Amino acid sequence: MTQLVSGQVSDPDDGMLRMSILEHLEELRTRIIRALIGFGVCFLAAMAEANPLWNFVKRPLKAAVDQVHGDIVAITPTEQFSIIWVWTPLIASIFLAAPWVIYQVWAFIAPGLYPRERKWAVPFILSTAGLFLIGGLFAYFIALPSTLSLLLSIGAPDVKPTISIDAYFTTFVNVMLGLSVVFELPVAIFFLTLIRVASPSFLLRHSDYAILAIVILASFITLTQDAVNLAVLSVPMILLYFLGVFASFLLVMRWENRKFPWRMFGYWLLAVIAALLIAILAAVAVFEYHFAARWPFLIK
């Protein structure tokens, strides 16, 4: 027997809202408008801080250019205005508004889920927004500096690098947004398991194909084609894939009312962290490496 809830039909057996096509379209329109309003507010706030944001954006390029005594230039009269006052605030707004936009997406799809699935709202929003921001930070502090330094350092000694801010900003956006989207891989895998499209066993059986696809994708995202920078991008993406498989495995165990051996897992995790710390300390003590504030953080 069904009940009418706020003009929408609800089945008491499953707790799902039954909406007509017009109601779905109206809900979609509302969510899009709210997402755009939030994005617009972030854009206006970012425009007010356009110059500090541009200084933040150009920092990886400036560090790489200073090493080879190059220059950063604007070629056209409108280049500085469009990059600093329009496109930089626009990209900053994408990251600032990400949690709000993701919440609107979840609010739109949540009525079509069971009550036990809707309780994943807060973890979904936090993990999705968090991974998006972590991907951007990874691109900014690791991927961009390493590739820019390599590209500018392999030039001819009698050629002075002169980089246009428009050309750099295009590269900046491609790498930042590309890696931010790629870092959503665990959430995508978890969601596919949640709606029963994939399973942990299926993902593990086909992990070799997934790794191949990740390496191919990383080769398109990276600015260079050398093995080092390819590994810098592909290894974290492969780890993210298996993190998603682990999260989907926990979800399936919860469905089957089984408990995960967290204590044993914690011991293994501590052992791996201890091994990494020992390796880092050995590199510092034996091979005379020292810590640095930029990638790769250990320099001989």
Protein backbone atom coordinates (compact mmCIF):
# COMPACT_ATOMS: atom_id res chain seq x y z
CA MET A 1 0.00 0.00 0.00
CA THR A 2 1.40 3.41 -0.97
CA GLN A 3 1.10 6.77 0.77
CA LEU A 4 1.16 10.33 -0.55
CA VAL A 5 4.07 12.37 0.83
CA SER A 6 4.26 16.08 -0.17
CA GLY A 7 2.64 15.38 -3.53
CA GLN A 8 4.93 12.43 -4.17
CA VAL A 9 4.06 8.77 -3.85
CA SER A 10 6.05 6.84 -1.26
CA ASP A 11 6.09 3.10 -0.80
CA PRO A 12 6.28 2.31 2.94
CA ASP A 13 7.97 -0.99 2.17
CA ASP A 14 11.08 0.47 0.60
CA GLY A 15 11.02 4.16 1.62
CA MET A 16 11.68 5.32 -1.93
CA LEU A 17 9.88 8.33 -3.40
CA ARG A 18 7.95 7.74 -6.62
CA MET A 19 8.07 10.87 -8.78
CA SER A 20 6.61 11.58 -12.19
CA ILE A 21 8.78 12.69 -15.11
CA LEU A 22 7.65 16.30 -14.69
CA GLU A 23 8.49 16.18 -10.97
CA HIS A 24 11.94 14.80 -11.80
CA LEU A 25 12.51 17.63 -14.30
CA GLU A 26 11.33 20.23 -11.78
CA GLU A 27 13.65 18.79 -9.13
CA LEU A 28 16.54 18.80 -11.62
CA ARG A 29 15.83 22.44 -12.50
CA THR A 30 15.81 23.41 -8.81
CA ARG A 31 19.10 21.65 -8.11
CA ILE A 32 20.81 23.19 -11.16
CA ILE A 33 19.68 26.69 -10.15
CA ARG A 34 20.93 26.21 -6.58
CA ALA A 35 24.26 24.85 -7.83
CA LEU A 36 24.68 27.83 -10.17
CA ILE A 37 23.85 30.29 -7.39
CA GLY A 38 26.48 28.74 -5.14
CA PHE A 39 28.99 28.76 -7.98
CA GLY A 40 28.20 32.41 -8.72
CA VAL A 41 28.80 33.44 -5.11
CA CYS A 42 32.17 31.65 -5.14
CA PHE A 43 33.06 33.32 -8.45
CA LEU A 44 32.37 36.82 -7.09
CA ALA A 45 34.43 36.05 -3.99
CA ALA A 46 37.28 34.74 -6.15
CA MET A 47 37.22 37.85 -8.37
CA ALA A 48 37.73 39.99 -5.27
CA GLU A 49 40.98 38.08 -4.64
CA ALA A 50 42.06 37.71 -8.27
CA ASN A 51 45.64 38.92 -7.84
CA PRO A 52 46.50 36.67 -4.84
CA LEU A 53 44.89 33.76 -6.69
CA TRP A 54 46.99 34.43 -9.80
CA ASN A 55 50.16 34.57 -7.68
CA PHE A 56 49.17 31.16 -6.32
CA VAL A 57 48.50 29.79 -9.82
CA LYS A 58 51.78 30.97 -11.34
CA ARG A 59 53.98 29.80 -8.43
CA PRO A 60 54.87 26.37 -9.97
CA LEU A 61 55.81 28.06 -13.27
CA LYS A 62 57.80 30.82 -11.59
CA ALA A 63 59.82 28.28 -9.60
CA ALA A 64 60.63 26.32 -12.76
CA VAL A 65 61.38 29.44 -14.84
CA ASP A 66 63.68 30.91 -12.19
CA GLN A 67 65.84 27.78 -12.32
CA VAL A 68 66.60 28.38 -16.02
CA HIS A 69 66.52 32.22 -15.83
CA GLY A 70 63.50 32.48 -18.12
CA ASP A 71 60.63 34.96 -18.36
CA ILE A 72 56.85 34.88 -17.95
CA VAL A 73 55.15 37.17 -20.48
CA ALA A 74 51.75 38.28 -21.79
CA ILE A 75 51.62 38.33 -25.58
CA THR A 76 48.28 40.02 -26.33
CA PRO A 77 46.83 43.20 -24.71
CA THR A 78 43.82 41.34 -23.25
CA GLU A 79 45.74 38.28 -22.08
CA GLN A 80 46.39 39.48 -18.53
CA PHE A 81 42.81 40.66 -18.03
CA SER A 82 41.21 37.44 -19.27
CA ILE A 83 43.58 35.11 -17.43
CA ILE A 84 43.89 36.97 -14.12
CA TRP A 85 40.41 38.45 -13.75
CA VAL A 86 38.19 35.90 -15.51
CA TRP A 87 39.67 32.45 -15.94
CA THR A 88 41.63 32.24 -12.68
CA PRO A 89 38.56 33.13 -10.54
CA LEU A 90 36.48 30.74 -12.66
CA ILE A 91 38.79 27.78 -11.98
CA ALA A 92 39.07 28.73 -8.30
CA SER A 93 35.27 28.79 -8.12
CA ILE A 94 35.10 25.21 -9.39
CA PHE A 95 37.16 24.03 -6.41
CA LEU A 96 35.46 26.33 -3.89
CA ALA A 97 31.95 25.37 -5.00
CA ALA A 98 32.71 21.65 -5.38
CA PRO A 99 31.18 20.56 -2.00
CA TRP A 100 27.99 22.54 -2.67
CA VAL A 101 27.61 21.27 -6.24
CA ILE A 102 28.25 17.68 -5.15
CA TYR A 103 25.61 18.05 -2.45
CA GLN A 104 23.08 19.20 -5.06
CA VAL A 105 23.90 16.16 -7.22
CA TRP A 106 23.40 13.86 -4.26
CA ALA A 107 20.15 15.60 -3.25
CA PHE A 108 18.82 14.97 -6.76
CA ILE A 109 19.62 11.24 -6.87
CA ALA A 110 18.90 10.48 -3.18
CA PRO A 111 15.09 10.13 -3.56
CA GLY A 112 15.66 7.20 -5.92
CA LEU A 113 17.66 5.28 -3.33
CA TYR A 114 16.59 3.09 -0.44
CA PRO A 115 16.76 4.61 3.08
CA ARG A 116 19.77 2.43 3.95
CA GLU A 117 21.55 3.83 0.89
CA ARG A 118 20.59 7.46 1.56
CA LYS A 119 22.46 7.40 4.87
CA TRP A 120 25.68 7.44 2.82
CA ALA A 121 24.97 11.11 1.96
CA VAL A 122 27.50 12.72 4.32
CA PRO A 123 30.35 10.23 3.60
CA PHE A 124 29.62 10.56 -0.13
CA ILE A 125 29.77 14.36 -0.11
CA LEU A 126 32.85 14.55 2.11
CA SER A 127 34.80 11.87 0.24
CA THR A 128 33.89 13.19 -3.22
CA ALA A 129 34.74 16.80 -2.39
CA GLY A 130 37.83 15.74 -0.43
CA LEU A 131 39.23 13.57 -3.22
CA PHE A 132 38.54 16.32 -5.77
CA LEU A 133 40.53 18.79 -3.69
CA ILE A 134 43.30 16.26 -2.95
CA GLY A 135 43.63 15.64 -6.69
CA GLY A 136 44.07 19.36 -7.24
CA LEU A 137 46.68 19.58 -4.47
CA PHE A 138 48.54 16.59 -5.91
CA ALA A 139 48.60 18.26 -9.32
CA TYR A 140 49.72 21.61 -7.89
CA PHE A 141 52.46 20.44 -5.52
CA ILE A 142 53.77 17.32 -7.31
CA ALA A 143 52.66 16.81 -10.92
CA LEU A 144 53.09 20.39 -12.20
CA PRO A 145 56.45 21.22 -10.54
CA SER A 146 58.07 17.95 -11.60
CA THR A 147 56.94 18.13 -15.23
CA LEU A 148 57.61 21.85 -15.65
CA SER A 149 61.09 21.56 -14.17
CA LEU A 150 61.90 18.63 -16.43
CA LEU A 151 60.56 20.29 -19.59
CA LEU A 152 62.40 23.57 -19.03
CA SER A 153 65.65 21.91 -17.94
CA ILE A 154 66.08 19.83 -21.12
CA GLY A 155 66.15 22.85 -23.45
CA ALA A 156 69.18 24.11 -25.34
CA PRO A 157 71.59 26.19 -23.20
CA ASP A 158 71.52 29.11 -25.66
CA VAL A 159 67.69 29.32 -25.72
CA LYS A 160 66.00 31.45 -23.07
CA PRO A 161 62.54 30.10 -22.07
CA THR A 162 59.80 32.72 -22.45
CA ILE A 163 56.46 31.33 -21.34
CA SER A 164 53.12 32.97 -22.18
CA ILE A 165 50.67 33.12 -19.28
CA ASP A 166 47.92 31.96 -21.64
CA ALA A 167 49.86 28.84 -22.67
CA TYR A 168 50.77 28.08 -19.05
CA PHE A 169 47.22 28.57 -17.79
CA THR A 170 45.88 26.11 -20.37
CA THR A 171 48.37 23.51 -19.15
CA PHE A 172 47.57 24.37 -15.53
CA VAL A 173 43.84 23.84 -16.03
CA ASN A 174 44.28 20.58 -17.95
CA VAL A 175 46.50 19.04 -15.28
CA MET A 176 44.56 20.37 -12.27
CA LEU A 177 41.08 19.43 -13.44
CA GLY A 178 42.26 16.20 -15.07
CA LEU A 179 43.83 14.88 -11.88
CA SER A 180 40.99 16.18 -9.69
CA VAL A 181 38.50 14.18 -11.76
CA VAL A 182 40.76 11.12 -11.83
CA PHE A 183 41.02 11.18 -8.02
CA GLU A 184 37.26 10.53 -7.90
CA LEU A 185 37.97 6.93 -8.97
CA PRO A 186 37.34 5.38 -5.50
CA VAL A 187 33.98 7.15 -5.23
CA ALA A 188 32.98 5.97 -8.71
CA ILE A 189 33.90 2.37 -7.87
CA PHE A 190 32.06 2.53 -4.56
CA PHE A 191 28.96 3.99 -6.21
CA LEU A 192 28.97 1.29 -8.91
CA THR A 193 29.05 -1.30 -6.14
CA LEU A 194 26.29 0.52 -4.26
CA ILE A 195 23.94 0.31 -7.25
CA ARG A 196 25.11 -3.28 -7.86
CA VAL A 197 26.70 -2.66 -11.26
CA ALA A 198 30.12 -3.94 -10.13
CA SER A 199 31.46 -6.17 -7.36
CA PRO A 200 34.85 -6.41 -5.60
CA SER A 201 35.53 -9.85 -7.11
CA PHE A 202 34.81 -8.54 -10.62
CA LEU A 203 37.06 -5.53 -10.07
CA LEU A 204 39.93 -7.67 -8.79
CA ARG A 205 39.61 -10.20 -11.63
CA HIS A 206 39.89 -7.41 -14.17
CA SER A 207 42.44 -5.29 -12.30
CA ASP A 208 45.08 -5.91 -14.99
CA TYR A 209 42.87 -4.23 -17.58
CA ALA A 210 42.19 -1.39 -15.13
CA ILE A 211 45.92 -0.84 -14.55
CA LEU A 212 46.55 -0.77 -18.31
CA ALA A 213 43.74 1.78 -18.78
CA ILE A 214 45.14 3.91 -15.93
CA VAL A 215 48.64 3.99 -17.43
CA ILE A 216 47.22 4.96 -20.83
CA LEU A 217 45.12 7.71 -19.22
CA ALA A 218 48.15 8.98 -17.26
CA SER A 219 50.16 9.19 -20.48
CA PHE A 220 47.54 11.59 -21.87
CA ILE A 221 47.42 13.73 -18.71
CA THR A 222 51.17 14.07 -18.13
CA LEU A 223 52.98 16.87 -19.93
CA THR A 224 55.97 14.67 -20.72
CA GLN A 225 56.29 11.09 -21.91
CA ASP A 226 59.19 10.02 -19.67
CA ALA A 227 58.85 7.05 -17.32
CA VAL A 228 59.42 9.06 -14.13
CA ASN A 229 56.54 11.49 -14.61
CA LEU A 230 54.35 8.71 -15.95
CA ALA A 231 54.96 6.79 -12.72
CA VAL A 232 54.29 9.93 -10.64
CA LEU A 233 50.77 10.06 -12.11
CA SER A 234 49.93 6.40 -12.69
CA VAL A 235 51.03 4.93 -9.31
CA PRO A 236 48.66 7.13 -7.21
CA MET A 237 45.85 6.39 -9.67
CA ILE A 238 46.45 2.64 -9.34
CA LEU A 239 46.43 2.99 -5.54
CA LEU A 240 43.16 4.90 -5.80
CA TYR A 241 41.67 2.08 -7.86
CA PHE A 242 42.48 -0.49 -5.20
CA LEU A 243 41.26 1.91 -2.51
CA GLY A 244 37.91 1.94 -4.32
CA VAL A 245 37.95 -1.87 -4.49
CA PHE A 246 38.64 -1.99 -0.74
CA ALA A 247 35.74 0.40 -0.04
CA SER A 248 33.39 -1.69 -2.19
CA PHE A 249 34.58 -4.82 -0.34
CA LEU A 250 33.65 -3.18 2.98
CA LEU A 251 30.23 -2.33 1.56
CA VAL A 252 29.59 -5.92 0.48
CA MET A 253 30.70 -7.21 3.89
CA ARG A 254 28.23 -4.83 5.52
CA TRP A 255 25.43 -6.14 3.32
CA GLU A 256 26.35 -9.68 4.35
CA ASN A 257 26.53 -8.74 8.07
CA ARG A 258 30.21 -9.67 8.25
CA LYS A 259 32.83 -7.78 10.24
CA PHE A 260 36.12 -6.65 8.81
CA PRO A 261 39.27 -7.50 10.88
CA TRP A 262 40.20 -3.90 11.52
CA ARG A 263 42.72 -4.74 14.24
CA MET A 264 44.78 -6.99 11.98
CA PHE A 265 44.45 -4.49 9.14
CA GLY A 266 45.73 -1.75 11.46
CA TYR A 267 48.78 -3.83 12.37
CA TRP A 268 49.63 -4.39 8.70
CA LEU A 269 49.10 -0.70 7.94
CA LEU A 270 51.39 0.37 10.77
CA ALA A 271 54.01 -2.12 9.54
CA VAL A 272 53.90 -0.64 6.02
CA ILE A 273 54.14 2.94 7.35
CA ALA A 274 57.07 1.93 9.58
CA ALA A 275 58.84 0.33 6.61
CA LEU A 276 58.40 3.51 4.54
CA LEU A 277 59.74 5.68 7.36
CA ILE A 278 62.75 3.40 7.78
CA ALA A 279 63.43 3.57 4.04
CA ILE A 280 63.24 7.39 4.10
CA LEU A 281 65.53 7.64 7.13
CA ALA A 282 67.97 5.21 5.49
CA ALA A 283 68.02 7.35 2.35
CA VAL A 284 68.76 10.41 4.47
CA ALA A 285 71.45 8.76 6.61
CA VAL A 286 73.19 6.40 4.17
CA PHE A 287 72.81 8.10 0.79
CA GLU A 288 73.10 11.66 2.17
CA TYR A 289 69.69 12.83 1.00
CA HIS A 290 68.06 15.86 2.62
CA PHE A 291 64.51 17.10 2.81
CA ALA A 292 63.24 19.85 0.50
CA ALA A 293 60.05 21.91 0.36
CA ARG A 294 59.26 20.83 -3.21
CA TRP A 295 58.86 17.56 -5.11
CA PRO A 296 60.48 15.02 -4.85
CA PHE A 297 61.00 16.24 -1.23
CA LEU A 298 64.19 14.16 -0.91
CA ILE A 299 67.17 15.64 -2.78
CA LYS A 300 70.75 14.38 -2.81
